[in-house]
Amino acid sequence: MSSPESAHESDLPALPATSWAVLGMLAFGEELSGYELKKWADWSIRFFYWSPSFSQVYTELKKLEKHGFVTSRVKHDNGVRGRRLYTITAAGTAAVRRWSNEAPIDPPILKHGVMLRIWLGHLNEPGRLKEILREHIEYVEKMRRRAAADAAGGAAQPAWAYAVIVLRWSERYYAAEKELAEQLIADIDAADAVIRSAKVGDELSHPKPTPGAWRQVEQQTKQAHPDLD
């Protein structure tokens, strides 16, 4: 098992960010089962990073135990099937502290399924697109309220002070997402008017852009904004 000193002296292992997230939850010092880690992630980390499956959590725990960053034991309660509990090691605490301070900052990756549907709006009807956005608004409002409730619930624990301000950030994020979606609903009619004014392109009446238009736009944008390369 690595010591805290060796964790600082050697390069950090090439673990995915999800591993560090799991280790980070254990860094609060509590001995937890994989089930409890999953539930805690749903309570906090899902608002701003990821919502893991149980299998993901256990996969990451195995990696962390292999590197000596966590230890585990099986606890038997009143003859019931044992639970495996995980505890962070000194080496694990040193490693996650170093990762948090020194790892390169990865830009956030936005995979917005709703926006992909709107982007393909020329293949759909405006009414359906608005329905999709209203469903999305209902979801983000639920997330906003839940993040606010969880932030309020966590405020009683001083050790969670930074977790609480991230949950408050999450609340503001979902409020902004709701506002953007509402604006997009208002924009759909204007986009539909542009589509309808376009020359019919194919047998399904989908207008087609001018061939090579993307390449022209790309060149023009690069020339106008060379600092954005």
C-alpha atoms as a PDB file:
ATOM      1  CA  MET A   1       0.000   0.000   0.000  1.00  0.00           C
ATOM      2  CA  SER A   2       1.276   3.471  -0.849  1.00  0.00           C
ATOM      3  CA  SER A   3       2.153   5.839   1.969  1.00  0.00           C
ATOM      4  CA  PRO A   4       1.037   9.513   2.041  1.00  0.00           C
ATOM      5  CA  GLU A   5       4.597  10.517   1.198  1.00  0.00           C
ATOM      6  CA  SER A   6       4.815   8.215  -1.819  1.00  0.00           C
ATOM      7  CA  ALA A   7       1.500   9.555  -3.104  1.00  0.00           C
ATOM      8  CA  HIS A   8       3.134  12.996  -3.224  1.00  0.00           C
ATOM      9  CA  GLU A   9       6.463  11.828  -4.603  1.00  0.00           C
ATOM     10  CA  SER A  10       5.127   9.794  -7.496  1.00  0.00           C
ATOM     11  CA  ASP A  11       2.776  10.762 -10.278  1.00  0.00           C
ATOM     12  CA  LEU A  12      -0.883  10.263  -9.615  1.00  0.00           C
ATOM     13  CA  PRO A  13      -2.400   7.181 -11.266  1.00  0.00           C
ATOM     14  CA  ALA A  14      -4.372   7.810 -14.443  1.00  0.00           C
ATOM     15  CA  LEU A  15      -7.776   7.405 -12.837  1.00  0.00           C
ATOM     16  CA  PRO A  16     -10.946   8.838 -14.398  1.00  0.00           C
ATOM     17  CA  ALA A  17     -12.565  11.835 -12.736  1.00  0.00           C
ATOM     18  CA  THR A  18     -15.343   9.544 -11.504  1.00  0.00           C
ATOM     19  CA  SER A  19     -12.804   7.681  -9.338  1.00  0.00           C
ATOM     20  CA  TRP A  20     -11.701  10.943  -7.769  1.00  0.00           C
ATOM     21  CA  ALA A  21     -15.330  11.892  -7.169  1.00  0.00           C
ATOM     22  CA  VAL A  22     -15.935   8.637  -5.263  1.00  0.00           C
ATOM     23  CA  LEU A  23     -12.692   9.072  -3.322  1.00  0.00           C
ATOM     24  CA  GLY A  24     -13.670  12.659  -2.612  1.00  0.00           C
ATOM     25  CA  MET A  25     -16.925  11.553  -1.001  1.00  0.00           C
ATOM     26  CA  LEU A  26     -14.956   9.215   1.252  1.00  0.00           C
ATOM     27  CA  ALA A  27     -12.577  12.087   2.072  1.00  0.00           C
ATOM     28  CA  PHE A  28     -15.234  13.494   4.399  1.00  0.00           C
ATOM     29  CA  GLY A  29     -14.120  10.719   6.729  1.00  0.00           C
ATOM     30  CA  GLU A  30     -17.145   8.452   6.966  1.00  0.00           C
ATOM     31  CA  GLU A  31     -17.046   4.697   6.417  1.00  0.00           C
ATOM     32  CA  LEU A  32     -19.617   4.004   3.686  1.00  0.00           C
ATOM     33  CA  SER A  33     -20.979   1.159   1.615  1.00  0.00           C
ATOM     34  CA  GLY A  34     -21.220   1.340  -2.166  1.00  0.00           C
ATOM     35  CA  TYR A  35     -24.987   1.705  -1.784  1.00  0.00           C
ATOM     36  CA  GLU A  36     -24.541   4.684   0.540  1.00  0.00           C
ATOM     37  CA  LEU A  37     -22.044   6.299  -1.830  1.00  0.00           C
ATOM     38  CA  LYS A  38     -24.532   5.962  -4.680  1.00  0.00           C
ATOM     39  CA  LYS A  39     -27.263   7.565  -2.574  1.00  0.00           C
ATOM     40  CA  TRP A  40     -24.960  10.370  -1.482  1.00  0.00           C
ATOM     41  CA  ALA A  41     -23.988  11.048  -5.093  1.00  0.00           C
ATOM     42  CA  ASP A  42     -27.677  11.284  -5.989  1.00  0.00           C
ATOM     43  CA  TRP A  43     -28.114  13.744  -3.123  1.00  0.00           C
ATOM     44  CA  SER A  44     -25.254  16.021  -4.114  1.00  0.00           C
ATOM     45  CA  ILE A  45     -22.884  15.309  -6.997  1.00  0.00           C
ATOM     46  CA  ARG A  46     -25.586  14.600  -9.584  1.00  0.00           C
ATOM     47  CA  PHE A  47     -26.533  18.269  -9.653  1.00  0.00           C
ATOM     48  CA  PHE A  48     -23.224  19.341 -11.142  1.00  0.00           C
ATOM     49  CA  TYR A  49     -21.204  16.298 -12.237  1.00  0.00           C
ATOM     50  CA  TRP A  50     -22.692  12.843 -12.701  1.00  0.00           C
ATOM     51  CA  SER A  51     -25.272  10.395 -11.447  1.00  0.00           C
ATOM     52  CA  PRO A  52     -23.567   7.000 -11.283  1.00  0.00           C
ATOM     53  CA  SER A  53     -25.083   3.581 -11.511  1.00  0.00           C
ATOM     54  CA  PHE A  54     -24.407   1.162  -8.677  1.00  0.00           C
ATOM     55  CA  SER A  55     -22.089  -0.800 -10.960  1.00  0.00           C
ATOM     56  CA  GLN A  56     -20.061   2.347 -11.686  1.00  0.00           C
ATOM     57  CA  VAL A  57     -19.631   3.065  -7.995  1.00  0.00           C
ATOM     58  CA  TYR A  58     -18.397  -0.463  -7.259  1.00  0.00           C
ATOM     59  CA  THR A  59     -16.095  -0.427 -10.290  1.00  0.00           C
ATOM     60  CA  GLU A  60     -14.445   2.773  -9.065  1.00  0.00           C
ATOM     61  CA  LEU A  61     -14.141   1.429  -5.515  1.00  0.00           C
ATOM     62  CA  LYS A  62     -12.274  -1.633  -6.813  1.00  0.00           C
ATOM     63  CA  LYS A  63      -9.844   0.623  -8.678  1.00  0.00           C
ATOM     64  CA  LEU A  64      -9.297   2.772  -5.596  1.00  0.00           C
ATOM     65  CA  GLU A  65      -8.718  -0.258  -3.375  1.00  0.00           C
ATOM     66  CA  LYS A  66      -6.225  -1.650  -5.893  1.00  0.00           C
ATOM     67  CA  HIS A  67      -4.230   1.598  -5.620  1.00  0.00           C
ATOM     68  CA  GLY A  68      -4.328   1.526  -1.822  1.00  0.00           C
ATOM     69  CA  PHE A  69      -6.509   4.622  -1.612  1.00  0.00           C
ATOM     70  CA  VAL A  70      -9.331   2.860   0.242  1.00  0.00           C
ATOM     71  CA  THR A  71      -9.665  -0.175   2.456  1.00  0.00           C
ATOM     72  CA  SER A  72     -12.765  -2.278   2.953  1.00  0.00           C
ATOM     73  CA  ARG A  73     -14.242  -4.667   5.478  1.00  0.00           C
ATOM     74  CA  VAL A  74     -17.381  -6.767   5.622  1.00  0.00           C
ATOM     75  CA  LYS A  75     -19.754  -5.921   8.462  1.00  0.00           C
ATOM     76  CA  HIS A  76     -22.379  -8.427   9.585  1.00  0.00           C
ATOM     77  CA  ASP A  77     -25.497  -7.063  11.280  1.00  0.00           C
ATOM     78  CA  ASN A  78     -27.532  -9.565  13.301  1.00  0.00           C
ATOM     79  CA  GLY A  79     -26.819 -12.455  10.989  1.00  0.00           C
ATOM     80  CA  VAL A  80     -27.972 -10.567   7.931  1.00  0.00           C
ATOM     81  CA  ARG A  81     -25.880 -10.766   4.784  1.00  0.00           C
ATOM     82  CA  GLY A  82     -22.732  -8.717   5.312  1.00  0.00           C
ATOM     83  CA  ARG A  83     -22.196  -5.225   3.929  1.00  0.00           C
ATOM     84  CA  ARG A  84     -18.831  -4.200   2.529  1.00  0.00           C
ATOM     85  CA  LEU A  85     -17.821  -0.828   3.939  1.00  0.00           C
ATOM     86  CA  TYR A  86     -15.106   1.424   2.524  1.00  0.00           C
ATOM     87  CA  THR A  87     -12.780   3.851   4.282  1.00  0.00           C
ATOM     88  CA  ILE A  88     -10.304   6.261   2.756  1.00  0.00           C
ATOM     89  CA  THR A  89      -6.631   5.673   3.644  1.00  0.00           C
ATOM     90  CA  ALA A  90      -4.009   8.293   4.439  1.00  0.00           C
ATOM     91  CA  ALA A  91      -2.584   7.692   0.969  1.00  0.00           C
ATOM     92  CA  GLY A  92      -6.044   8.185  -0.525  1.00  0.00           C
ATOM     93  CA  THR A  93      -6.552  11.468   1.321  1.00  0.00           C
ATOM     94  CA  ALA A  94      -3.156  12.717   0.145  1.00  0.00           C
ATOM     95  CA  ALA A  95      -3.867  11.636  -3.431  1.00  0.00           C
ATOM     96  CA  VAL A  96      -7.309  13.231  -3.716  1.00  0.00           C
ATOM     97  CA  ARG A  97      -6.004  16.416  -2.100  1.00  0.00           C
ATOM     98  CA  ARG A  98      -3.204  16.529  -4.664  1.00  0.00           C
ATOM     99  CA  TRP A  99      -5.588  15.747  -7.553  1.00  0.00           C
ATOM    100  CA  SER A 100      -7.931  18.517  -6.432  1.00  0.00           C
ATOM    101  CA  ASN A 101      -5.077  21.033  -6.297  1.00  0.00           C
ATOM    102  CA  GLU A 102      -2.831  20.005  -9.185  1.00  0.00           C
ATOM    103  CA  ALA A 103      -4.782  18.130 -11.863  1.00  0.00           C
ATOM    104  CA  PRO A 104      -5.370  20.071 -15.109  1.00  0.00           C
ATOM    105  CA  ILE A 105      -8.736  21.782 -15.242  1.00  0.00           C
ATOM    106  CA  ASP A 106     -10.926  19.949 -17.721  1.00  0.00           C
ATOM    107  CA  PRO A 107     -13.460  22.120 -19.548  1.00  0.00           C
ATOM    108  CA  PRO A 108     -17.029  21.081 -18.784  1.00  0.00           C
ATOM    109  CA  ILE A 109     -18.560  18.812 -21.427  1.00  0.00           C
ATOM    110  CA  LEU A 110     -22.112  19.715 -22.348  1.00  0.00           C
ATOM    111  CA  LYS A 111     -24.161  16.820 -23.762  1.00  0.00           C
ATOM    112  CA  HIS A 112     -27.577  18.401 -23.960  1.00  0.00           C
ATOM    113  CA  GLY A 113     -30.043  15.934 -25.461  1.00  0.00           C
ATOM    114  CA  VAL A 114     -32.853  18.501 -25.562  1.00  0.00           C
ATOM    115  CA  MET A 115     -30.728  20.976 -27.515  1.00  0.00           C
ATOM    116  CA  LEU A 116     -29.835  18.228 -29.990  1.00  0.00           C
ATOM    117  CA  ARG A 117     -33.570  17.741 -30.603  1.00  0.00           C
ATOM    118  CA  ILE A 118     -34.084  21.478 -31.126  1.00  0.00           C
ATOM    119  CA  TRP A 119     -31.041  21.617 -33.414  1.00  0.00           C
ATOM    120  CA  LEU A 120     -32.865  19.063 -35.560  1.00  0.00           C
ATOM    121  CA  GLY A 121     -36.023  21.140 -35.356  1.00  0.00           C
ATOM    122  CA  HIS A 122     -36.322  21.442 -39.137  1.00  0.00           C
ATOM    123  CA  LEU A 123     -37.333  17.766 -39.064  1.00  0.00           C
ATOM    124  CA  ASN A 124     -40.095  18.353 -36.546  1.00  0.00           C
ATOM    125  CA  GLU A 125     -43.128  20.520 -35.838  1.00  0.00           C
ATOM    126  CA  PRO A 126     -42.934  23.698 -33.724  1.00  0.00           C
ATOM    127  CA  GLY A 127     -45.668  22.444 -31.406  1.00  0.00           C
ATOM    128  CA  ARG A 128     -43.745  19.261 -30.621  1.00  0.00           C
ATOM    129  CA  LEU A 129     -40.536  21.198 -30.024  1.00  0.00           C
ATOM    130  CA  LYS A 130     -42.342  23.393 -27.524  1.00  0.00           C
ATOM    131  CA  GLU A 131     -43.673  20.299 -25.764  1.00  0.00           C
ATOM    132  CA  ILE A 132     -40.130  18.957 -25.470  1.00  0.00           C
ATOM    133  CA  LEU A 133     -38.958  22.235 -23.969  1.00  0.00           C
ATOM    134  CA  ARG A 134     -41.842  22.365 -21.513  1.00  0.00           C
ATOM    135  CA  GLU A 135     -40.964  18.853 -20.338  1.00  0.00           C
ATOM    136  CA  HIS A 136     -37.376  20.025 -19.953  1.00  0.00           C
ATOM    137  CA  ILE A 137     -38.490  23.078 -17.966  1.00  0.00           C
ATOM    138  CA  GLU A 138     -40.475  20.839 -15.618  1.00  0.00           C
ATOM    139  CA  TYR A 139     -37.368  18.712 -15.076  1.00  0.00           C
ATOM    140  CA  VAL A 140     -34.961  21.614 -14.442  1.00  0.00           C
ATOM    141  CA  GLU A 141     -37.394  23.277 -12.061  1.00  0.00           C
ATOM    142  CA  LYS A 142     -37.574  20.032 -10.080  1.00  0.00           C
ATOM    143  CA  MET A 143     -33.768  19.876 -10.010  1.00  0.00           C
ATOM    144  CA  ARG A 144     -33.556  23.533  -8.925  1.00  0.00           C
ATOM    145  CA  ARG A 145     -35.919  22.943  -6.025  1.00  0.00           C
ATOM    146  CA  ARG A 146     -34.122  19.755  -4.987  1.00  0.00           C
ATOM    147  CA  ALA A 147     -30.702  21.429  -5.078  1.00  0.00           C
ATOM    148  CA  ALA A 148     -32.059  24.270  -2.946  1.00  0.00           C
ATOM    149  CA  ALA A 149     -33.545  21.809  -0.447  1.00  0.00           C
ATOM    150  CA  ASP A 150     -30.353  19.763  -0.240  1.00  0.00           C
ATOM    151  CA  ALA A 151     -28.257  22.918   0.229  1.00  0.00           C
ATOM    152  CA  ALA A 152     -30.517  23.987   3.073  1.00  0.00           C
ATOM    153  CA  GLY A 153     -30.334  20.520   4.626  1.00  0.00           C
ATOM    154  CA  GLY A 154     -26.538  20.377   4.391  1.00  0.00           C
ATOM    155  CA  ALA A 155     -26.004  23.844   5.860  1.00  0.00           C
ATOM    156  CA  ALA A 156     -26.157  22.412   9.396  1.00  0.00           C
ATOM    157  CA  GLN A 157     -22.886  20.516   8.838  1.00  0.00           C
ATOM    158  CA  PRO A 158     -19.814  22.821   8.930  1.00  0.00           C
ATOM    159  CA  ALA A 159     -17.696  20.181   7.144  1.00  0.00           C
ATOM    160  CA  TRP A 160     -20.012  20.458   4.139  1.00  0.00           C
ATOM    161  CA  ALA A 161     -19.612  24.234   3.703  1.00  0.00           C
ATOM    162  CA  TYR A 162     -18.043  23.942   0.251  1.00  0.00           C
ATOM    163  CA  ALA A 163     -20.493  21.252  -0.816  1.00  0.00           C
ATOM    164  CA  VAL A 164     -23.321  23.569   0.197  1.00  0.00           C
ATOM    165  CA  ILE A 165     -22.089  26.509  -1.886  1.00  0.00           C
ATOM    166  CA  VAL A 166     -21.798  24.187  -4.917  1.00  0.00           C
ATOM    167  CA  LEU A 167     -25.391  23.072  -4.337  1.00  0.00           C
ATOM    168  CA  ARG A 168     -26.412  26.730  -4.215  1.00  0.00           C
ATOM    169  CA  TRP A 169     -24.527  27.254  -7.479  1.00  0.00           C
ATOM    170  CA  SER A 170     -26.486  24.288  -8.872  1.00  0.00           C
ATOM    171  CA  GLU A 171     -29.738  25.941  -7.816  1.00  0.00           C
ATOM    172  CA  ARG A 172     -28.794  29.088  -9.747  1.00  0.00           C
ATOM    173  CA  TYR A 173     -27.624  26.998 -12.719  1.00  0.00           C
ATOM    174  CA  TYR A 174     -30.990  25.255 -13.067  1.00  0.00           C
ATOM    175  CA  ALA A 175     -32.823  28.559 -12.652  1.00  0.00           C
ATOM    176  CA  ALA A 176     -30.782  29.950 -15.558  1.00  0.00           C
ATOM    177  CA  GLU A 177     -31.418  26.792 -17.615  1.00  0.00           C
ATOM    178  CA  LYS A 178     -35.160  27.270 -17.084  1.00  0.00           C
ATOM    179  CA  GLU A 179     -34.949  30.882 -18.255  1.00  0.00           C
ATOM    180  CA  LEU A 180     -32.977  29.874 -21.367  1.00  0.00           C
ATOM    181  CA  ALA A 181     -35.519  27.177 -22.234  1.00  0.00           C
ATOM    182  CA  GLU A 182     -38.397  29.623 -21.850  1.00  0.00           C
ATOM    183  CA  GLN A 183     -36.640  32.031 -24.205  1.00  0.00           C
ATOM    184  CA  LEU A 184     -36.110  29.201 -26.680  1.00  0.00           C
ATOM    185  CA  ILE A 185     -39.842  28.487 -26.726  1.00  0.00           C
ATOM    186  CA  ALA A 186     -40.363  32.109 -27.721  1.00  0.00           C
ATOM    187  CA  ASP A 187     -37.693  31.777 -30.440  1.00  0.00           C
ATOM    188  CA  ILE A 188     -39.230  28.709 -32.090  1.00  0.00           C
ATOM    189  CA  ASP A 189     -41.926  30.583 -34.020  1.00  0.00           C
ATOM    190  CA  ALA A 190     -39.333  32.916 -35.519  1.00  0.00           C
ATOM    191  CA  ALA A 191     -37.160  29.962 -36.555  1.00  0.00           C
ATOM    192  CA  ASP A 192     -40.181  28.222 -38.067  1.00  0.00           C
ATOM    193  CA  ALA A 193     -40.988  31.332 -40.106  1.00  0.00           C
ATOM    194  CA  VAL A 194     -37.461  31.300 -41.525  1.00  0.00           C
ATOM    195  CA  ILE A 195     -37.780  27.604 -42.390  1.00  0.00           C
ATOM    196  CA  ARG A 196     -41.120  28.130 -44.127  1.00  0.00           C
ATOM    197  CA  SER A 197     -39.750  30.995 -46.196  1.00  0.00           C
ATOM    198  CA  ALA A 198     -36.868  28.848 -47.449  1.00  0.00           C
ATOM    199  CA  LYS A 199     -36.992  27.190 -50.828  1.00  0.00           C
ATOM    200  CA  VAL A 200     -38.246  23.585 -50.715  1.00  0.00           C
ATOM    201  CA  GLY A 201     -35.259  21.258 -50.757  1.00  0.00           C
ATOM    202  CA  ASP A 202     -36.221  17.596 -50.854  1.00  0.00           C
ATOM    203  CA  GLU A 203     -39.198  15.266 -51.093  1.00  0.00           C
ATOM    204  CA  LEU A 204     -39.997  15.871 -47.425  1.00  0.00           C
ATOM    205  CA  SER A 205     -39.987  19.635 -47.919  1.00  0.00           C
ATOM    206  CA  HIS A 206     -36.935  20.065 -45.708  1.00  0.00           C
ATOM    207  CA  PRO A 207     -34.944  23.112 -46.822  1.00  0.00           C
ATOM    208  CA  LYS A 208     -31.296  22.419 -47.532  1.00  0.00           C
ATOM    209  CA  PRO A 209     -28.454  24.851 -46.905  1.00  0.00           C
ATOM    210  CA  THR A 210     -26.304  26.020 -49.785  1.00  0.00           C
ATOM    211  CA  PRO A 211     -23.677  23.341 -50.527  1.00  0.00           C
ATOM    212  CA  GLY A 212     -20.428  24.165 -48.756  1.00  0.00           C
ATOM    213  CA  ALA A 213     -22.073  26.792 -46.555  1.00  0.00           C
ATOM    214  CA  TRP A 214     -20.524  25.404 -43.352  1.00  0.00           C
ATOM    215  CA  ARG A 215     -17.024  25.629 -44.786  1.00  0.00           C
ATOM    216  CA  GLN A 216     -17.600  29.207 -45.905  1.00  0.00           C
ATOM    217  CA  VAL A 217     -18.965  30.215 -42.530  1.00  0.00           C
ATOM    218  CA  GLU A 218     -16.028  28.536 -40.783  1.00  0.00           C
ATOM    219  CA  GLN A 219     -13.515  30.429 -42.924  1.00  0.00           C
ATOM    220  CA  GLN A 220     -15.258  33.745 -42.440  1.00  0.00           C
ATOM    221  CA  THR A 221     -15.460  33.235 -38.693  1.00  0.00           C
ATOM    222  CA  LYS A 222     -11.770  32.369 -38.422  1.00  0.00           C
ATOM    223  CA  GLN A 223     -10.813  35.458 -40.405  1.00  0.00           C
ATOM    224  CA  ALA A 224     -13.051  37.699 -38.327  1.00  0.00           C
ATOM    225  CA  HIS A 225     -12.030  36.183 -34.973  1.00  0.00           C
ATOM    226  CA  PRO A 226      -8.470  34.796 -35.184  1.00  0.00           C
ATOM    227  CA  ASP A 227      -8.231  34.896 -31.375  1.00  0.00           C
ATOM    228  CA  LEU A 228     -10.867  32.157 -31.071  1.00  0.00           C
ATOM    229  CA  ASP A 229      -8.772  29.376 -32.635  1.00  0.00           C
END
